[in-house]
């Protein structure tokens, strides 16, 4: 199933990366940042698995 998803994303890496970031931001917002460290780790691992690894933006 994951391979099928990877094939669907191929060529749309920027869109996938953006979606992962937005989802993480939403979780952080809903939890008040309580799980920010875990969310950041999950975002990084997802991007690595998708082959779209990019350094996360610096916290503001």
N, C-alpha and C. Protein backbone atom coordinates (compact mmCIF):
# COMPACT_ATOMS: atom_id res chain seq x y z
N UNK A 1 0.83 -1.19 0.00
CA UNK A 1 0.00 0.00 0.00
C UNK A 1 0.87 1.26 0.00
N UNK A 2 1.95 1.22 0.79
CA UNK A 2 2.82 2.39 0.84
C UNK A 2 3.50 2.64 -0.50
N UNK A 3 3.87 1.56 -1.19
CA UNK A 3 4.49 1.71 -2.50
C UNK A 3 3.52 2.36 -3.49
N UNK A 4 2.25 2.00 -3.41
CA UNK A 4 1.24 2.60 -4.29
C UNK A 4 1.13 4.09 -4.01
N UNK A 5 1.14 4.45 -2.74
CA UNK A 5 1.09 5.86 -2.36
C UNK A 5 2.32 6.60 -2.87
N UNK A 6 3.50 5.99 -2.73
CA UNK A 6 4.72 6.62 -3.22
C UNK A 6 4.66 6.86 -4.72
N UNK A 7 4.11 5.90 -5.46
CA UNK A 7 3.99 6.06 -6.91
C UNK A 7 3.02 7.18 -7.26
N UNK A 8 1.96 7.34 -6.48
CA UNK A 8 1.00 8.41 -6.73
C UNK A 8 1.63 9.78 -6.49
N UNK A 9 2.52 9.86 -5.51
CA UNK A 9 3.13 11.13 -5.13
C UNK A 9 4.26 11.52 -6.07
N UNK A 10 4.84 10.54 -6.74
CA UNK A 10 5.98 10.79 -7.63
C UNK A 10 5.66 11.96 -8.57
N UNK A 11 6.53 12.94 -8.57
CA UNK A 11 6.34 14.13 -9.40
C UNK A 11 5.61 15.24 -8.67
N UNK A 12 5.12 14.94 -7.48
CA UNK A 12 4.37 15.93 -6.69
C UNK A 12 4.96 16.04 -5.29
N UNK A 13 6.27 15.94 -5.21
CA UNK A 13 6.95 15.92 -3.92
C UNK A 13 6.71 17.19 -3.11
N UNK A 14 6.72 18.34 -3.77
CA UNK A 14 6.50 19.60 -3.06
C UNK A 14 5.11 19.66 -2.44
N UNK A 15 4.13 19.17 -3.17
CA UNK A 15 2.76 19.14 -2.66
C UNK A 15 2.66 18.21 -1.47
N UNK A 16 3.29 17.04 -1.55
CA UNK A 16 3.27 16.08 -0.45
C UNK A 16 3.96 16.68 0.78
N UNK A 17 5.10 17.31 0.57
CA UNK A 17 5.84 17.93 1.67
C UNK A 17 4.99 19.00 2.34
N UNK A 18 4.31 19.79 1.53
CA UNK A 18 3.45 20.83 2.06
C UNK A 18 2.30 20.23 2.89
N UNK A 19 1.72 19.15 2.40
CA UNK A 19 0.64 18.49 3.12
C UNK A 19 1.10 17.93 4.46
N UNK A 20 2.28 17.36 4.48
CA UNK A 20 2.84 16.82 5.73
C UNK A 20 3.05 17.95 6.73
N UNK A 21 3.58 19.07 6.26
CA UNK A 21 3.82 20.22 7.13
C UNK A 21 2.50 20.79 7.67
N UNK A 22 1.50 20.92 6.79
CA UNK A 22 0.20 21.46 7.22
C UNK A 22 -0.47 20.55 8.24
N UNK A 23 -0.38 19.24 8.01
CA UNK A 23 -0.97 18.29 8.96
C UNK A 23 -0.29 18.40 10.32
N UNK A 24 1.03 18.50 10.31
CA UNK A 24 1.76 18.64 11.57
C UNK A 24 1.41 19.94 12.29
N UNK A 25 1.29 21.01 11.52
CA UNK A 25 0.91 22.29 12.11
C UNK A 25 -0.48 22.22 12.74
N UNK A 26 -1.39 21.51 12.08
CA UNK A 26 -2.75 21.37 12.60
C UNK A 26 -2.74 20.59 13.92
N UNK A 27 -1.95 19.50 13.96
CA UNK A 27 -1.85 18.72 15.20
C UNK A 27 -1.26 19.59 16.31
N UNK A 28 -0.22 20.35 16.00
CA UNK A 28 0.38 21.24 17.00
C UNK A 28 -0.63 22.25 17.51
N UNK A 29 -1.43 22.80 16.59
CA UNK A 29 -2.43 23.79 16.97
C UNK A 29 -3.50 23.18 17.88
N UNK A 30 -3.98 22.00 17.50
CA UNK A 30 -5.05 21.35 18.26
C UNK A 30 -4.58 20.88 19.63
N UNK A 31 -3.30 20.55 19.78
CA UNK A 31 -2.78 20.05 21.05
C UNK A 31 -2.02 21.11 21.82
N UNK A 32 -2.02 22.33 21.32
CA UNK A 32 -1.31 23.40 22.00
C UNK A 32 0.20 23.19 22.00
N UNK A 33 0.69 22.45 21.02
CA UNK A 33 2.13 22.20 20.92
C UNK A 33 2.65 21.16 21.90
N UNK A 34 1.73 20.49 22.59
CA UNK A 34 2.12 19.51 23.61
C UNK A 34 2.98 18.38 23.04
N UNK A 35 2.74 18.03 21.79
CA UNK A 35 3.45 16.92 21.16
C UNK A 35 4.32 17.39 20.00
N UNK A 36 4.77 18.63 20.05
CA UNK A 36 5.53 19.23 18.95
C UNK A 36 6.76 18.41 18.58
N UNK A 37 7.47 17.92 19.56
CA UNK A 37 8.67 17.14 19.29
C UNK A 37 8.34 15.85 18.53
N UNK A 38 7.28 15.17 18.97
CA UNK A 38 6.87 13.93 18.32
C UNK A 38 6.35 14.20 16.91
N UNK A 39 5.62 15.30 16.75
CA UNK A 39 5.10 15.67 15.44
C UNK A 39 6.24 15.97 14.48
N UNK A 40 7.23 16.71 14.94
CA UNK A 40 8.39 17.03 14.10
C UNK A 40 9.12 15.77 13.66
N UNK A 41 9.29 14.84 14.60
CA UNK A 41 9.95 13.57 14.27
C UNK A 41 9.15 12.80 13.24
N UNK A 42 7.83 12.76 13.42
CA UNK A 42 6.97 12.04 12.47
C UNK A 42 7.04 12.68 11.09
N UNK A 43 7.01 14.01 11.04
CA UNK A 43 7.10 14.71 9.76
C UNK A 43 8.42 14.38 9.06
N UNK A 44 9.49 14.39 9.80
CA UNK A 44 10.80 14.11 9.22
C UNK A 44 10.84 12.68 8.68
N UNK A 45 10.34 11.73 9.44
CA UNK A 45 10.38 10.33 9.00
C UNK A 45 9.48 10.09 7.80
N UNK A 46 8.33 10.73 7.77
CA UNK A 46 7.45 10.59 6.61
C UNK A 46 8.14 11.13 5.36
N UNK A 47 8.73 12.31 5.48
CA UNK A 47 9.42 12.90 4.33
C UNK A 47 10.59 12.03 3.88
N UNK A 48 11.31 11.43 4.82
CA UNK A 48 12.41 10.54 4.46
C UNK A 48 11.89 9.33 3.69
N UNK A 49 10.79 8.74 4.15
CA UNK A 49 10.21 7.57 3.51
C UNK A 49 9.70 7.90 2.10
N UNK A 50 9.20 9.10 1.94
CA UNK A 50 8.67 9.50 0.64
C UNK A 50 9.77 9.96 -0.30
N UNK A 51 10.97 10.08 0.22
CA UNK A 51 12.07 10.55 -0.62
C UNK A 51 11.98 12.04 -0.85
N UNK A 52 11.31 12.73 0.04
CA UNK A 52 11.15 14.17 -0.11
C UNK A 52 11.76 14.89 1.08
N UNK A 53 12.78 14.26 1.70
CA UNK A 53 13.38 14.84 2.89
C UNK A 53 13.93 16.21 2.61
N UNK A 54 13.53 17.13 3.46
CA UNK A 54 14.05 18.49 3.42
C UNK A 54 14.13 18.95 4.86
N UNK A 55 15.15 19.72 5.19
CA UNK A 55 15.28 20.20 6.56
C UNK A 55 14.04 20.98 6.95
N UNK A 56 13.50 20.73 8.15
CA UNK A 56 12.32 21.46 8.59
C UNK A 56 12.66 22.93 8.80
N UNK A 57 11.68 23.80 8.62
CA UNK A 57 11.95 25.23 8.84
C UNK A 57 12.28 25.47 10.30
N UNK A 58 13.09 26.49 10.54
CA UNK A 58 13.48 26.84 11.91
C UNK A 58 12.25 27.31 12.69
N UNK A 59 12.13 26.93 13.97
CA UNK A 59 11.00 27.38 14.78
C UNK A 59 11.00 28.90 14.89
N UNK A 60 9.81 29.44 14.94
CA UNK A 60 9.68 30.91 15.01
C UNK A 60 9.44 31.36 16.41
